[in-house]
Amino acid sequence: MSKTITLRVNDEFYEMIKTAAKGERRSISSLLEYSALFYINNASYVSDNEMEEIMGDKELVNDLRNGLKEIQKGDYEIVDKF
């Protein structure tokens, strides 16, 4: 079953969405749904091939494990990128 959500955006962003939707011949709702799904599928998940490549990089795996240990010990600093 479909769900309705409310999204508040500034005027500039709304115009960008509206223009992109028109260019894609989609409704704004359809464009936002497509864009969210595209992002989730391409940025949030790793394919089996990518995971094999990651796990095959022993130095990377070691660095990730060390980083996890530091996080668990509370030995980290959050750096704001802005």
PDB file of N, CA and C in Angstrom:
ATOM      1  N   MET A   1       0.842  -1.178   0.000  1.00  0.00           N
ATOM      2  CA  MET A   1       0.000   0.000   0.000  1.00  0.00           C
ATOM      3  C   MET A   1       0.893   1.248   0.000  1.00  0.00           C
ATOM      4  N   SER A   2       0.556   2.214  -0.805  1.00  0.00           N
ATOM      5  CA  SER A   2       1.320   3.460  -0.878  1.00  0.00           C
ATOM      6  C   SER A   2       1.125   4.290   0.377  1.00  0.00           C
ATOM      7  N   LYS A   3       2.159   5.016   0.733  1.00  0.00           N
ATOM      8  CA  LYS A   3       2.128   5.939   1.873  1.00  0.00           C
ATOM      9  C   LYS A   3       2.363   7.350   1.362  1.00  0.00           C
ATOM     10  N   THR A   4       1.776   8.306   2.026  1.00  0.00           N
ATOM     11  CA  THR A   4       1.968   9.709   1.687  1.00  0.00           C
ATOM     12  C   THR A   4       2.921  10.321   2.681  1.00  0.00           C
ATOM     13  N   ILE A   5       3.899  11.077   2.191  1.00  0.00           N
ATOM     14  CA  ILE A   5       4.809  11.788   3.074  1.00  0.00           C
ATOM     15  C   ILE A   5       4.771  13.267   2.725  1.00  0.00           C
ATOM     16  N   THR A   6       5.134  14.087   3.673  1.00  0.00           N
ATOM     17  CA  THR A   6       5.224  15.525   3.447  1.00  0.00           C
ATOM     18  C   THR A   6       6.687  15.910   3.483  1.00  0.00           C
ATOM     19  N   LEU A   7       7.084  16.726   2.544  1.00  0.00           N
ATOM     20  CA  LEU A   7       8.470  17.150   2.441  1.00  0.00           C
ATOM     21  C   LEU A   7       8.499  18.657   2.287  1.00  0.00           C
ATOM     22  N   ARG A   8       9.209  19.323   3.164  1.00  0.00           N
ATOM     23  CA  ARG A   8       9.327  20.776   3.086  1.00  0.00           C
ATOM     24  C   ARG A   8      10.676  21.121   2.474  1.00  0.00           C
ATOM     25  N   VAL A   9      10.642  21.910   1.402  1.00  0.00           N
ATOM     26  CA  VAL A   9      11.868  22.326   0.719  1.00  0.00           C
ATOM     27  C   VAL A   9      11.807  23.823   0.453  1.00  0.00           C
ATOM     28  N   ASN A  10      12.972  24.444   0.253  1.00  0.00           N
ATOM     29  CA  ASN A  10      12.975  25.871  -0.066  1.00  0.00           C
ATOM     30  C   ASN A  10      12.582  26.074  -1.530  1.00  0.00           C
ATOM     31  N   ASP A  11      12.286  27.307  -1.896  1.00  0.00           N
ATOM     32  CA  ASP A  11      11.808  27.617  -3.245  1.00  0.00           C
ATOM     33  C   ASP A  11      12.803  27.213  -4.327  1.00  0.00           C
ATOM     34  N   GLU A  12      14.080  27.458  -4.090  1.00  0.00           N
ATOM     35  CA  GLU A  12      15.099  27.139  -5.087  1.00  0.00           C
ATOM     36  C   GLU A  12      15.145  25.640  -5.363  1.00  0.00           C
ATOM     37  N   PHE A  13      15.118  24.838  -4.306  1.00  0.00           N
ATOM     38  CA  PHE A  13      15.146  23.385  -4.476  1.00  0.00           C
ATOM     39  C   PHE A  13      13.872  22.904  -5.164  1.00  0.00           C
ATOM     40  N   TYR A  14      12.739  23.476  -4.799  1.00  0.00           N
ATOM     41  CA  TYR A  14      11.466  23.098  -5.431  1.00  0.00           C
ATOM     42  C   TYR A  14      11.530  23.338  -6.937  1.00  0.00           C
ATOM     43  N   GLU A  15      12.063  24.469  -7.334  1.00  0.00           N
ATOM     44  CA  GLU A  15      12.166  24.780  -8.762  1.00  0.00           C
ATOM     45  C   GLU A  15      13.093  23.797  -9.467  1.00  0.00           C
ATOM     46  N   MET A  16      14.165  23.388  -8.806  1.00  0.00           N
ATOM     47  CA  MET A  16      15.066  22.385  -9.383  1.00  0.00           C
ATOM     48  C   MET A  16      14.339  21.062  -9.582  1.00  0.00           C
ATOM     49  N   ILE A  17      13.575  20.645  -8.566  1.00  0.00           N
ATOM     50  CA  ILE A  17      12.824  19.392  -8.654  1.00  0.00           C
ATOM     51  C   ILE A  17      11.785  19.479  -9.766  1.00  0.00           C
ATOM     52  N   LYS A  18      11.072  20.585  -9.792  1.00  0.00           N
ATOM     53  CA  LYS A  18      10.025  20.790 -10.787  1.00  0.00           C
ATOM     54  C   LYS A  18      10.605  20.734 -12.206  1.00  0.00           C
ATOM     55  N   THR A  19      11.740  21.398 -12.420  1.00  0.00           N
ATOM     56  CA  THR A  19      12.386  21.406 -13.732  1.00  0.00           C
ATOM     57  C   THR A  19      12.879  20.014 -14.116  1.00  0.00           C
ATOM     58  N   ALA A  20      13.483  19.315 -13.159  1.00  0.00           N
ATOM     59  CA  ALA A  20      13.973  17.959 -13.428  1.00  0.00           C
ATOM     60  C   ALA A  20      12.817  17.017 -13.751  1.00  0.00           C
ATOM     61  N   ALA A  21      11.724  17.127 -13.006  1.00  0.00           N
ATOM     62  CA  ALA A  21      10.561  16.266 -13.247  1.00  0.00           C
ATOM     63  C   ALA A  21       9.991  16.531 -14.640  1.00  0.00           C
ATOM     64  N   LYS A  22       9.904  17.785 -15.000  1.00  0.00           N
ATOM     65  CA  LYS A  22       9.387  18.135 -16.330  1.00  0.00           C
ATOM     66  C   LYS A  22      10.297  17.561 -17.412  1.00  0.00           C
ATOM     67  N   GLY A  23      11.609  17.686 -17.215  1.00  0.00           N
ATOM     68  CA  GLY A  23      12.567  17.158 -18.184  1.00  0.00           C
ATOM     69  C   GLY A  23      12.495  15.648 -18.323  1.00  0.00           C
ATOM     70  N   GLU A  24      12.132  14.961 -17.261  1.00  0.00           N
ATOM     71  CA  GLU A  24      12.014  13.503 -17.279  1.00  0.00           C
ATOM     72  C   GLU A  24      10.597  13.033 -17.620  1.00  0.00           C
ATOM     73  N   ARG A  25       9.704  13.997 -17.819  1.00  0.00           N
ATOM     74  CA  ARG A  25       8.280  13.707 -18.073  1.00  0.00           C
ATOM     75  C   ARG A  25       7.691  12.851 -16.966  1.00  0.00           C
ATOM     76  N   ARG A  26       7.983  13.277 -15.739  1.00  0.00           N
ATOM     77  CA  ARG A  26       7.482  12.599 -14.543  1.00  0.00           C
ATOM     78  C   ARG A  26       6.797  13.628 -13.659  1.00  0.00           C
ATOM     79  N   SER A  27       5.965  13.124 -12.753  1.00  0.00           N
ATOM     80  CA  SER A  27       5.444  14.007 -11.717  1.00  0.00           C
ATOM     81  C   SER A  27       6.566  14.251 -10.711  1.00  0.00           C
ATOM     82  N   ILE A  28       6.424  15.278  -9.911  1.00  0.00           N
ATOM     83  CA  ILE A  28       7.424  15.542  -8.871  1.00  0.00           C
ATOM     84  C   ILE A  28       7.517  14.350  -7.927  1.00  0.00           C
ATOM     85  N   SER A  29       6.379  13.809  -7.546  1.00  0.00           N
ATOM     86  CA  SER A  29       6.359  12.650  -6.647  1.00  0.00           C
ATOM     87  C   SER A  29       7.107  11.469  -7.254  1.00  0.00           C
ATOM     88  N   SER A  30       6.859  11.209  -8.544  1.00  0.00           N
ATOM     89  CA  SER A  30       7.520  10.098  -9.216  1.00  0.00           C
ATOM     90  C   SER A  30       9.020  10.327  -9.294  1.00  0.00           C
ATOM     91  N   LEU A  31       9.434  11.546  -9.593  1.00  0.00           N
ATOM     92  CA  LEU A  31      10.864  11.855  -9.670  1.00  0.00           C
ATOM     93  C   LEU A  31      11.541  11.659  -8.317  1.00  0.00           C
ATOM     94  N   LEU A  32      10.905  12.140  -7.253  1.00  0.00           N
ATOM     95  CA  LEU A  32      11.497  11.994  -5.921  1.00  0.00           C
ATOM     96  C   LEU A  32      11.584  10.527  -5.515  1.00  0.00           C
ATOM     97  N   GLU A  33      10.550   9.745  -5.823  1.00  0.00           N
ATOM     98  CA  GLU A  33      10.589   8.318  -5.499  1.00  0.00           C
ATOM     99  C   GLU A  33      11.703   7.623  -6.287  1.00  0.00           C
ATOM    100  N   TYR A  34      11.781   7.894  -7.581  1.00  0.00           N
ATOM    101  CA  TYR A  34      12.825   7.306  -8.416  1.00  0.00           C
ATOM    102  C   TYR A  34      14.209   7.704  -7.911  1.00  0.00           C
ATOM    103  N   SER A  35      14.386   8.990  -7.600  1.00  0.00           N
ATOM    104  CA  SER A  35      15.688   9.487  -7.147  1.00  0.00           C
ATOM    105  C   SER A  35      16.107   8.836  -5.829  1.00  0.00           C
ATOM    106  N   ALA A  36      15.156   8.700  -4.908  1.00  0.00           N
ATOM    107  CA  ALA A  36      15.462   8.072  -3.622  1.00  0.00           C
ATOM    108  C   ALA A  36      15.844   6.607  -3.808  1.00  0.00           C
ATOM    109  N   LEU A  37      15.099   5.892  -4.631  1.00  0.00           N
ATOM    110  CA  LEU A  37      15.410   4.482  -4.884  1.00  0.00           C
ATOM    111  C   LEU A  37      16.762   4.334  -5.573  1.00  0.00           C
ATOM    112  N   PHE A  38      17.046   5.203  -6.534  1.00  0.00           N
ATOM    113  CA  PHE A  38      18.326   5.162  -7.231  1.00  0.00           C
ATOM    114  C   PHE A  38      19.467   5.375  -6.241  1.00  0.00           C
ATOM    115  N   TYR A  39      19.323   6.366  -5.367  1.00  0.00           N
ATOM    116  CA  TYR A  39      20.369   6.649  -4.380  1.00  0.00           C
ATOM    117  C   TYR A  39      20.562   5.460  -3.441  1.00  0.00           C
ATOM    118  N   ILE A  40      19.477   4.945  -2.919  1.00  0.00           N
ATOM    119  CA  ILE A  40      19.565   3.828  -1.968  1.00  0.00           C
ATOM    120  C   ILE A  40      20.231   2.619  -2.619  1.00  0.00           C
ATOM    121  N   ASN A  41      19.841   2.313  -3.841  1.00  0.00           N
ATOM    122  CA  ASN A  41      20.400   1.137  -4.521  1.00  0.00           C
ATOM    123  C   ASN A  41      21.842   1.326  -4.951  1.00  0.00           C
ATOM    124  N   ASN A  42      22.274   2.544  -5.174  1.00  0.00           N
ATOM    125  CA  ASN A  42      23.621   2.774  -5.689  1.00  0.00           C
ATOM    126  C   ASN A  42      24.604   3.284  -4.657  1.00  0.00           C
ATOM    127  N   ALA A  43      24.137   3.839  -3.574  1.00  0.00           N
ATOM    128  CA  ALA A  43      25.047   4.426  -2.598  1.00  0.00           C
ATOM    129  C   ALA A  43      25.061   3.686  -1.272  1.00  0.00           C
ATOM    130  N   SER A  44      24.035   2.949  -0.975  1.00  0.00           N
ATOM    131  CA  SER A  44      23.914   2.358   0.350  1.00  0.00           C
ATOM    132  C   SER A  44      24.263   0.877   0.408  1.00  0.00           C
ATOM    133  N   TYR A  45      24.324   0.244  -0.727  1.00  0.00           N
ATOM    134  CA  TYR A  45      24.562  -1.184  -0.750  1.00  0.00           C
ATOM    135  C   TYR A  45      25.775  -1.512  -1.609  1.00  0.00           C
ATOM    136  N   VAL A  46      26.386  -2.620  -1.309  1.00  0.00           N
ATOM    137  CA  VAL A  46      27.554  -3.077  -2.055  1.00  0.00           C
ATOM    138  C   VAL A  46      27.174  -4.377  -2.750  1.00  0.00           C
ATOM    139  N   SER A  47      27.504  -4.475  -4.034  1.00  0.00           N
ATOM    140  CA  SER A  47      27.213  -5.703  -4.772  1.00  0.00           C
ATOM    141  C   SER A  47      28.127  -6.825  -4.276  1.00  0.00           C
ATOM    142  N   ASP A  48      27.783  -8.053  -4.621  1.00  0.00           N
ATOM    143  CA  ASP A  48      28.604  -9.207  -4.233  1.00  0.00           C
ATOM    144  C   ASP A  48      30.021  -9.076  -4.787  1.00  0.00           C
ATOM    145  N   ASN A  49      30.129  -8.594  -6.025  1.00  0.00           N
ATOM    146  CA  ASN A  49      31.460  -8.421  -6.626  1.00  0.00           C
ATOM    147  C   ASN A  49      32.272  -7.370  -5.875  1.00  0.00           C
ATOM    148  N   GLU A  50      31.626  -6.265  -5.525  1.00  0.00           N
ATOM    149  CA  GLU A  50      32.328  -5.220  -4.770  1.00  0.00           C
ATOM    150  C   GLU A  50      32.762  -5.735  -3.403  1.00  0.00           C
ATOM    151  N   MET A  51      31.898  -6.515  -2.755  1.00  0.00           N
ATOM    152  CA  MET A  51      32.239  -7.051  -1.437  1.00  0.00           C
ATOM    153  C   MET A  51      33.414  -8.014  -1.528  1.00  0.00           C
ATOM    154  N   GLU A  52      33.453  -8.826  -2.589  1.00  0.00           N
ATOM    155  CA  GLU A  52      34.594  -9.726  -2.785  1.00  0.00           C
ATOM    156  C   GLU A  52      35.888  -8.929  -2.935  1.00  0.00           C
ATOM    157  N   GLU A  53      35.815  -7.848  -3.693  1.00  0.00           N
ATOM    158  CA  GLU A  53      36.990  -7.002  -3.893  1.00  0.00           C
ATOM    159  C   GLU A  53      37.431  -6.370  -2.571  1.00  0.00           C
ATOM    160  N   ILE A  54      36.468  -5.883  -1.801  1.00  0.00           N
ATOM    161  CA  ILE A  54      36.784  -5.275  -0.508  1.00  0.00           C
ATOM    162  C   ILE A  54      37.425  -6.308   0.422  1.00  0.00           C
ATOM    163  N   MET A  55      36.798  -7.463   0.544  1.00  0.00           N
ATOM    164  CA  MET A  55      37.302  -8.488   1.456  1.00  0.00           C
ATOM    165  C   MET A  55      38.640  -9.053   0.993  1.00  0.00           C
ATOM    166  N   GLY A  56      38.936  -8.948  -0.289  1.00  0.00           N
ATOM    167  CA  GLY A  56      40.210  -9.424  -0.811  1.00  0.00           C
ATOM    168  C   GLY A  56      41.362  -8.474  -0.533  1.00  0.00           C
ATOM    169  N   ASP A  57      41.040  -7.253  -0.123  1.00  0.00           N
ATOM    170  CA  ASP A  57      42.068  -6.249   0.183  1.00  0.00           C
ATOM    171  C   ASP A  57      42.388  -6.353   1.677  1.00  0.00           C
ATOM    172  N   LYS A  58      43.385  -7.154   1.995  1.00  0.00           N
ATOM    173  CA  LYS A  58      43.710  -7.455   3.401  1.00  0.00           C
ATOM    174  C   LYS A  58      44.082  -6.206   4.195  1.00  0.00           C
ATOM    175  N   GLU A  59      44.800  -5.279   3.557  1.00  0.00           N
ATOM    176  CA  GLU A  59      45.183  -4.042   4.254  1.00  0.00           C
ATOM    177  C   GLU A  59      43.937  -3.224   4.608  1.00  0.00           C
ATOM    178  N   LEU A  60      43.002  -3.118   3.670  1.00  0.00           N
ATOM    179  CA  LEU A  60      41.764  -2.383   3.928  1.00  0.00           C
ATOM    180  C   LEU A  60      40.967  -3.034   5.044  1.00  0.00           C
ATOM    181  N   VAL A  61      40.818  -4.358   4.992  1.00  0.00           N
ATOM    182  CA  VAL A  61      40.068  -5.085   6.025  1.00  0.00           C
ATOM    183  C   VAL A  61      40.714  -4.862   7.391  1.00  0.00           C
ATOM    184  N   ASN A  62      42.032  -4.920   7.457  1.00  0.00           N
ATOM    185  CA  ASN A  62      42.750  -4.694   8.706  1.00  0.00           C
ATOM    186  C   ASN A  62      42.506  -3.276   9.230  1.00  0.00           C
ATOM    187  N   ASP A  63      42.574  -2.284   8.323  1.00  0.00           N
ATOM    188  CA  ASP A  63      42.319  -0.899   8.723  1.00  0.00           C
ATOM    189  C   ASP A  63      40.890  -0.716   9.237  1.00  0.00           C
ATOM    190  N   LEU A  64      39.935  -1.360   8.574  1.00  0.00           N
ATOM    191  CA  LEU A  64      38.541  -1.268   9.017  1.00  0.00           C
ATOM    192  C   LEU A  64      38.355  -1.898  10.400  1.00  0.00           C
ATOM    193  N   ARG A  65      38.992  -3.037  10.615  1.00  0.00           N
ATOM    194  CA  ARG A  65      38.893  -3.691  11.927  1.00  0.00           C
ATOM    195  C   ARG A  65      39.520  -2.823  13.021  1.00  0.00           C
ATOM    196  N   ASN A  66      40.673  -2.229  12.719  1.00  0.00           N
ATOM    197  CA  ASN A  66      41.308  -1.339  13.691  1.00  0.00           C
ATOM    198  C   ASN A  66      40.440  -0.118  13.976  1.00  0.00           C
ATOM    199  N   GLY A  67      39.815   0.426  12.922  1.00  0.00           N
ATOM    200  CA  GLY A  67      38.924   1.564  13.105  1.00  0.00           C
ATOM    201  C   GLY A  67      37.733   1.210  13.973  1.00  0.00           C
ATOM    202  N   LEU A  68      37.169   0.038  13.778  1.00  0.00           N
ATOM    203  CA  LEU A  68      36.044  -0.419  14.595  1.00  0.00           C
ATOM    204  C   LEU A  68      36.459  -0.551  16.061  1.00  0.00           C
ATOM    205  N   LYS A  69      37.644  -1.088  16.296  1.00  0.00           N
ATOM    206  CA  LYS A  69      38.133  -1.210  17.677  1.00  0.00           C
ATOM    207  C   LYS A  69      38.275   0.166  18.325  1.00  0.00           C
ATOM    208  N   GLU A  70      38.780   1.143  17.563  1.00  0.00           N
ATOM    209  CA  GLU A  70      38.922   2.502  18.093  1.00  0.00           C
ATOM    210  C   GLU A  70      37.558   3.098  18.422  1.00  0.00           C
ATOM    211  N   ILE A  71      36.586   2.874  17.568  1.00  0.00           N
ATOM    212  CA  ILE A  71      35.236   3.376  17.829  1.00  0.00           C
ATOM    213  C   ILE A  71      34.675   2.745  19.099  1.00  0.00           C
ATOM    214  N   GLN A  72      34.828   1.447  19.235  1.00  0.00           N
ATOM    215  CA  GLN A  72      34.314   0.749  20.416  1.00  0.00           C
ATOM    216  C   GLN A  72      34.970   1.253  21.701  1.00  0.00           C
ATOM    217  N   LYS A  73      36.237   1.681  21.612  1.00  0.00           N
ATOM    218  CA  LYS A  73      36.938   2.230  22.776  1.00  0.00           C
ATOM    219  C   LYS A  73      36.603   3.699  22.998  1.00  0.00           C
ATOM    220  N   GLY A  74      35.901   4.308  22.040  1.00  0.00           N
ATOM    221  CA  GLY A  74      35.588   5.728  22.137  1.00  0.00           C
ATOM    222  C   GLY A  74      36.755   6.610  21.717  1.00  0.00           C
ATOM    223  N   ASP A  75      37.693   6.031  21.033  1.00  0.00           N
ATOM    224  CA  ASP A  75      38.908   6.741  20.623  1.00  0.00           C
ATOM    225  C   ASP A  75      38.751   7.275  19.195  1.00  0.00           C
ATOM    226  N   TYR A  76      37.899   8.298  19.054  1.00  0.00           N
ATOM    227  CA  TYR A  76      37.675   8.888  17.742  1.00  0.00           C
ATOM    228  C   TYR A  76      37.224  10.334  17.909  1.00  0.00           C
ATOM    229  N   GLU A  77      37.253  11.055  16.805  1.00  0.00           N
ATOM    230  CA  GLU A  77      36.817  12.452  16.815  1.00  0.00           C
ATOM    231  C   GLU A  77      35.936  12.670  15.583  1.00  0.00           C
ATOM    232  N   ILE A  78      34.779  13.276  15.753  1.00  0.00           N
ATOM    233  CA  ILE A  78      33.901  13.584  14.643  1.00  0.00           C
ATOM    234  C   ILE A  78      34.358  14.907  14.047  1.00  0.00           C
ATOM    235  N   VAL A  79      34.616  14.906  12.750  1.00  0.00           N
ATOM    236  CA  VAL A  79      35.088  16.086  12.056  1.00  0.00           C
ATOM    237  C   VAL A  79      33.964  16.570  11.135  1.00  0.00           C
ATOM    238  N   ASP A  80      33.531  17.803  11.335  1.00  0.00           N
ATOM    239  CA  ASP A  80      32.467  18.367  10.509  1.00  0.00           C
ATOM    240  C   ASP A  80      33.056  18.786   9.177  1.00  0.00           C
ATOM    241  N   LYS A  81      32.496  18.299   8.083  1.00  0.00           N
ATOM    242  CA  LYS A  81      33.057  18.580   6.777  1.00  0.00           C
ATOM    243  C   LYS A  81      32.655  19.937   6.227  1.00  0.00           C
ATOM    244  N   PHE A  82      31.851  20.678   6.933  1.00  0.00           N
ATOM    245  CA  PHE A  82      31.411  21.996   6.434  1.00  0.00           C
ATOM    246  C   PHE A  82      32.192  23.107   7.040  1.00  0.00           C
TER     247      PHE A  82
END
